[in-house]
């Protein structure tokens, strides 16, 4: 077989796709996510990092979905570390596409087809180095929860807001990592999720780094599935907690730990990054007494 024939045959095949997830002690939710995932009409491989679950997640996944590649984590990976590990394993196989997926996201059966069609549309416009983000809705309220992101229009530059999903592709600055399609063209340039970000911020950082390296981020039209919004109740802005409790939470892995947050702000907030650095800690002091009316804090994913 000549090289040209081999390349022609490869191009005629369906694109290869790796789905990347990480989980911890959410056995039923993880299996529900995987069940919806396997309703897709597109062929794919799954790389799932189980970061030390003690509720039988690995056994349940192996029993119900034996085709899933389960990777055991150290127990201290959280979202960023777990997704980095899954991504690293998948990159070894050089897929055409890599899809980040949260295990609390339930996809529509045609989600993959829609995301791939969006990338094909962009590639036809010479934008093959484009990330495609899928938006999710709350299963009870129907309100948008996660998807593309843009910098807030307020005076500080390190807060990001959702981009409303429309009826056509729309460009955004970065994304939340619940459902994100990354083509090989982007992965080859940007690489993996930065291990500096243990839990949050790694998705926002990835999209911003992609932009800086000549790639783009696009929000797919409509919604690809459902995902509930995390509550701010009991978080670092909940004034029912003591000030000390709020500070422990804001400095914890799921808040704004000092080193990752400093890395993010220095990297993405311009020459006056130090003026923005302390804002999360000020917000932890102030808090929100009316939690029902408080804004969405997407950092608490």
Protein backbone atom coordinates (compact mmCIF):
# COMPACT_ATOMS: atom_id res chain seq x y z
CA UNK A 1 0.00 0.00 0.00
CA UNK A 2 1.42 3.38 -1.00
CA UNK A 3 1.60 6.26 1.48
CA UNK A 4 -0.96 8.24 -0.54
CA UNK A 5 -3.37 5.31 -0.49
CA UNK A 6 -2.95 4.87 3.28
CA UNK A 7 -3.61 8.57 3.90
CA UNK A 8 -6.64 8.52 1.61
CA UNK A 9 -8.11 5.55 3.44
CA UNK A 10 -7.47 7.18 6.81
CA UNK A 11 -9.18 10.39 5.71
CA UNK A 12 -12.28 8.44 4.64
CA UNK A 13 -12.72 6.90 8.10
CA UNK A 14 -14.79 8.42 10.89
CA UNK A 15 -12.68 10.71 13.09
CA UNK A 16 -11.16 9.17 16.20
CA UNK A 17 -12.41 10.64 19.48
CA UNK A 18 -11.26 10.27 23.09
CA UNK A 19 -13.64 11.22 25.91
CA UNK A 20 -11.89 12.37 29.08
CA UNK A 21 -13.47 12.28 32.54
CA UNK A 22 -12.44 12.24 36.18
CA UNK A 23 -14.55 11.14 39.14
CA UNK A 24 -14.58 10.71 42.89
CA UNK A 25 -17.26 8.97 44.98
CA UNK A 26 -20.20 9.72 42.68
CA UNK A 27 -20.85 6.16 41.51
CA UNK A 28 -24.48 6.56 40.43
CA UNK A 29 -23.87 9.93 38.82
CA UNK A 30 -20.76 8.71 37.00
CA UNK A 31 -22.60 5.65 35.66
CA UNK A 32 -25.56 7.78 34.59
CA UNK A 33 -23.18 10.06 32.69
CA UNK A 34 -21.53 7.06 31.00
CA UNK A 35 -24.91 5.55 30.10
CA UNK A 36 -25.93 8.76 28.31
CA UNK A 37 -22.50 8.93 26.72
CA UNK A 38 -22.93 5.50 25.18
CA UNK A 39 -26.14 6.60 23.44
CA UNK A 40 -24.05 8.66 21.05
CA UNK A 41 -23.92 7.48 17.46
CA UNK A 42 -20.24 8.39 17.16
CA UNK A 43 -17.44 5.94 17.90
CA UNK A 44 -15.14 6.93 20.75
CA UNK A 45 -12.83 5.71 23.50
CA UNK A 46 -13.28 6.71 27.14
CA UNK A 47 -10.49 7.55 29.57
CA UNK A 48 -11.88 7.80 33.10
CA UNK A 49 -9.69 8.68 36.08
CA UNK A 50 -11.10 7.36 39.36
CA UNK A 51 -9.31 9.46 41.94
CA UNK A 52 -9.44 7.05 44.85
CA UNK A 53 -13.21 6.50 45.11
CA UNK A 54 -14.31 4.40 48.08
CA UNK A 55 -17.93 3.88 46.96
CA UNK A 56 -17.27 1.15 44.40
CA UNK A 57 -17.17 3.43 41.37
CA UNK A 58 -14.44 1.49 39.56
CA UNK A 59 -16.16 -1.87 40.11
CA UNK A 60 -19.49 -0.48 38.87
CA UNK A 61 -17.90 1.05 35.76
CA UNK A 62 -15.97 -2.13 34.99
CA UNK A 63 -19.16 -4.15 35.32
CA UNK A 64 -21.48 -1.89 33.31
CA UNK A 65 -19.00 -0.38 30.83
CA UNK A 66 -16.07 -2.79 30.40
CA UNK A 67 -14.88 -0.89 27.34
CA UNK A 68 -14.00 2.18 29.45
CA UNK A 69 -10.30 2.71 30.20
CA UNK A 70 -10.28 3.26 33.97
CA UNK A 71 -7.14 4.92 35.33
CA UNK A 72 -6.56 4.93 39.08
CA UNK A 73 -5.62 8.28 40.58
CA UNK A 74 -3.66 9.09 43.70
CA UNK A 75 -6.65 10.36 45.68
CA UNK A 76 -5.44 13.95 45.57
CA UNK A 77 -5.85 14.86 41.89
CA UNK A 78 -9.20 16.71 41.97
CA UNK A 79 -10.59 17.98 38.64
CA UNK A 80 -7.46 19.52 37.20
CA UNK A 81 -5.10 16.70 38.12
CA UNK A 82 -7.55 14.00 37.09
CA UNK A 83 -8.26 15.56 33.71
CA UNK A 84 -4.55 16.15 33.13
CA UNK A 85 -3.89 12.45 33.73
CA UNK A 86 -6.74 11.34 31.43
CA UNK A 87 -5.61 13.78 28.73
CA UNK A 88 -1.99 12.61 29.00
CA UNK A 89 -3.01 8.98 28.44
CA UNK A 90 -5.23 9.85 25.47
CA UNK A 91 -2.60 12.07 23.84
CA UNK A 92 -0.36 9.02 23.48
CA UNK A 93 -2.80 7.60 20.91
CA UNK A 94 -2.96 10.83 18.85
CA UNK A 95 -6.75 11.10 18.39
CA UNK A 96 -8.42 13.47 15.97
CA UNK A 97 -10.50 14.92 18.83
CA UNK A 98 -10.49 15.01 22.63
CA UNK A 99 -13.69 15.72 24.52
CA UNK A 100 -13.62 16.93 28.13
CA UNK A 101 -16.73 15.81 29.98
CA UNK A 102 -17.80 16.27 33.61
CA UNK A 103 -19.34 13.19 35.16
CA UNK A 104 -22.36 15.23 36.31
CA UNK A 105 -23.19 16.17 32.70
CA UNK A 106 -25.89 14.16 30.90
CA UNK A 107 -25.52 14.47 27.15
CA UNK A 108 -28.24 14.47 24.51
CA UNK A 109 -27.91 11.52 22.09
CA UNK A 110 -26.86 13.83 19.24
CA UNK A 111 -24.39 15.94 21.24
CA UNK A 112 -21.24 14.52 19.64
CA UNK A 113 -22.63 14.82 16.13
CA UNK A 114 -23.52 18.46 16.75
CA UNK A 115 -20.11 19.34 18.20
CA UNK A 116 -18.25 17.59 15.39
CA UNK A 117 -20.45 19.32 12.80
CA UNK A 118 -19.62 22.67 14.39
CA UNK A 119 -15.91 21.97 14.12
CA UNK A 120 -16.31 20.83 10.51
CA UNK A 121 -18.04 24.14 9.77
CA UNK A 122 -15.17 26.06 11.34
CA UNK A 123 -12.56 23.95 9.56
CA UNK A 124 -14.23 24.76 6.24
CA UNK A 125 -13.57 28.41 7.11
CA UNK A 126 -9.86 27.67 7.72
CA UNK A 127 -10.43 27.62 11.50
CA UNK A 128 -9.50 24.01 12.20
CA UNK A 129 -7.53 25.16 15.27
CA UNK A 130 -10.80 25.95 17.08
CA UNK A 131 -12.14 24.64 20.38
CA UNK A 132 -15.90 23.97 20.39
CA UNK A 133 -17.75 24.32 23.70
CA UNK A 134 -21.14 22.81 24.51
CA UNK A 135 -23.61 24.62 26.79
CA UNK A 136 -25.59 22.84 29.50
CA UNK A 137 -28.93 23.52 31.20
CA UNK A 138 -30.14 22.92 34.72
CA UNK A 139 -32.37 19.79 34.59
CA UNK A 140 -35.02 21.36 36.83
CA UNK A 141 -35.15 25.02 35.82
CA UNK A 142 -33.90 24.85 32.23
CA UNK A 143 -31.59 27.77 33.01
CA UNK A 144 -28.12 27.79 31.40
CA UNK A 145 -25.37 26.55 33.70
CA UNK A 146 -22.01 26.00 31.96
CA UNK A 147 -20.46 26.68 28.56
CA UNK A 148 -18.42 29.46 26.98
CA UNK A 149 -17.06 32.40 28.94
CA UNK A 150 -16.05 36.01 28.44
CA UNK A 151 -14.41 38.49 30.75
CA UNK A 152 -16.83 40.46 32.85
CA UNK A 153 -17.56 43.99 31.67
CA UNK A 154 -16.89 45.26 35.18
CA UNK A 155 -13.64 46.98 36.03
CA UNK A 156 -11.73 43.89 37.18
CA UNK A 157 -10.46 41.56 34.48
CA UNK A 158 -10.15 38.17 36.17
CA UNK A 159 -13.85 37.36 36.58
CA UNK A 160 -15.59 35.46 33.80
CA UNK A 161 -19.24 35.25 32.85
CA UNK A 162 -21.26 32.79 30.77
CA UNK A 163 -21.85 33.44 27.08
CA UNK A 164 -25.55 32.86 26.35
CA UNK A 165 -26.16 30.06 23.88
CA UNK A 166 -27.74 31.18 20.62
CA UNK A 167 -28.89 29.62 17.37
CA UNK A 168 -25.50 29.78 15.66
CA UNK A 169 -21.83 29.43 16.46
CA UNK A 170 -20.49 32.34 18.50
CA UNK A 171 -16.90 33.14 19.44
CA UNK A 172 -15.93 33.52 23.08
CA UNK A 173 -12.74 34.04 25.08
CA UNK A 174 -12.53 30.80 27.05
CA UNK A 175 -14.74 28.12 28.59
CA UNK A 176 -15.83 26.07 31.56
CA UNK A 177 -14.72 22.48 31.15
CA UNK A 178 -18.00 20.56 31.46
CA UNK A 179 -18.22 19.66 27.76
CA UNK A 180 -15.40 20.82 25.50
CA UNK A 181 -14.29 19.46 22.11
CA UNK A 182 -10.58 19.94 21.43
CA UNK A 183 -9.31 18.96 17.96
CA UNK A 184 -5.85 17.58 17.39
CA UNK A 185 -4.82 20.89 15.81
CA UNK A 186 -5.34 22.63 19.16
CA UNK A 187 -3.95 19.84 21.34
CA UNK A 188 -0.74 19.82 19.31
CA UNK A 189 -0.27 23.54 19.98
CA UNK A 190 -1.57 24.02 23.54
CA UNK A 191 -0.86 20.58 24.94
CA UNK A 192 -2.36 19.35 28.20
CA UNK A 193 -4.17 21.10 31.05
CA UNK A 194 -1.61 22.90 33.19
CA UNK A 195 -0.87 20.90 36.36
CA UNK A 196 -0.49 24.21 38.23
CA UNK A 197 -4.28 24.21 38.63
CA UNK A 198 -5.30 21.39 40.94
CA UNK A 199 -9.08 21.77 40.79
CA UNK A 200 -10.51 24.91 39.16
CA UNK A 201 -9.10 27.53 36.77
CA UNK A 202 -7.39 24.97 34.53
CA UNK A 203 -10.23 25.10 32.01
CA UNK A 204 -10.30 28.90 31.88
CA UNK A 205 -6.51 28.96 31.61
CA UNK A 206 -6.53 26.43 28.75
CA UNK A 207 -8.92 28.50 26.65
CA UNK A 208 -6.99 31.70 27.30
CA UNK A 209 -3.67 30.03 26.44
CA UNK A 210 -5.24 28.65 23.27
CA UNK A 211 -6.21 32.17 22.23
CA UNK A 212 -2.72 33.45 22.97
CA UNK A 213 -1.26 30.74 20.71
CA UNK A 214 -3.43 31.55 17.70
CA UNK A 215 -6.37 29.21 18.34
CA UNK A 216 -9.97 30.24 18.92
CA UNK A 217 -12.86 29.21 21.19
CA UNK A 218 -16.41 28.84 19.88
CA UNK A 219 -19.73 28.14 21.56
CA UNK A 220 -21.96 25.62 19.80
CA UNK A 221 -25.59 26.65 19.25
CA UNK A 222 -28.27 25.30 21.58
CA UNK A 223 -27.59 22.92 24.43
CA UNK A 224 -25.74 19.61 24.40
CA UNK A 225 -27.20 18.29 27.64
CA UNK A 226 -27.97 18.90 31.29
CA UNK A 227 -25.82 19.78 34.28
CA UNK A 228 -27.00 21.27 37.57
CA UNK A 229 -25.45 24.50 38.83
CA UNK A 230 -23.31 24.19 41.93
CA UNK A 231 -24.76 26.00 44.93
CA UNK A 232 -22.99 28.79 46.82
CA UNK A 233 -24.59 27.54 50.03
CA UNK A 234 -21.85 26.39 52.36
CA UNK A 235 -19.17 27.95 50.15
CA UNK A 236 -16.63 30.65 50.90
CA UNK A 237 -19.22 33.42 50.34
CA UNK A 238 -21.83 31.97 52.74
CA UNK A 239 -22.04 34.38 55.69
CA UNK A 240 -23.70 31.69 57.78
CA UNK A 241 -20.16 30.40 58.12
CA UNK A 242 -17.67 32.14 60.37
CA UNK A 243 -15.02 34.37 58.83
CA UNK A 244 -12.36 31.77 59.66
CA UNK A 245 -14.40 29.04 57.96
CA UNK A 246 -14.85 31.18 54.86
CA UNK A 247 -11.12 31.89 54.70
CA UNK A 248 -10.29 28.21 54.99
CA UNK A 249 -12.65 27.49 52.10
CA UNK A 250 -11.44 30.29 49.82
CA UNK A 251 -7.83 29.19 50.37
CA UNK A 252 -8.72 25.52 49.91
CA UNK A 253 -8.32 23.41 46.79
CA UNK A 254 -11.85 24.18 45.57
CA UNK A 255 -11.53 27.91 46.18
CA UNK A 256 -8.59 30.15 45.30
CA UNK A 257 -5.47 28.52 46.75
CA UNK A 258 -2.61 31.00 46.78
CA UNK A 259 -0.16 29.48 44.28
CA UNK A 260 -2.61 28.50 41.48
CA UNK A 261 -4.52 31.76 41.81
CA UNK A 262 -1.30 33.80 41.67
CA UNK A 263 -0.23 31.87 38.56
CA UNK A 264 -3.57 32.50 36.87
CA UNK A 265 -3.72 36.22 37.63
CA UNK A 266 -0.10 36.88 36.67
CA UNK A 267 -0.65 35.00 33.41
CA UNK A 268 -3.97 36.52 32.35
CA UNK A 269 -4.65 39.83 34.14
CA UNK A 270 -2.06 42.09 32.53
CA UNK A 271 0.69 44.22 34.06
CA UNK A 272 -1.52 45.33 36.96
CA UNK A 273 -2.42 41.77 37.98
CA UNK A 274 -1.54 42.47 41.61
CA UNK A 275 -4.46 44.92 41.82
CA UNK A 276 -6.87 42.04 41.11
CA UNK A 277 -5.13 39.32 43.10
CA UNK A 278 -6.80 40.00 46.44
CA UNK A 279 -10.39 40.26 45.21
CA UNK A 280 -11.51 36.68 46.02
CA UNK A 281 -10.25 37.06 49.56
CA UNK A 282 -12.06 40.39 49.95
CA UNK A 283 -15.23 38.73 48.66
CA UNK A 284 -14.77 35.95 51.21
CA UNK A 285 -14.72 38.56 53.97
CA UNK A 286 -17.81 40.34 52.66
CA UNK A 287 -19.75 37.20 51.70
CA UNK A 288 -23.42 37.10 50.68
CA UNK A 289 -26.20 36.95 53.22
CA UNK A 290 -29.01 36.48 50.69
CA UNK A 291 -27.81 33.29 49.03
CA UNK A 292 -30.95 32.93 46.92
CA UNK A 293 -30.21 36.29 45.30
CA UNK A 294 -26.44 35.94 45.15
CA UNK A 295 -24.63 35.79 41.79
CA UNK A 296 -23.35 32.55 40.31
CA UNK A 297 -19.84 31.68 41.42
CA UNK A 298 -18.56 29.41 38.72
CA UNK A 299 -15.21 28.98 40.43
CA UNK A 300 -16.93 26.56 42.84
CA UNK A 301 -17.38 23.79 40.25
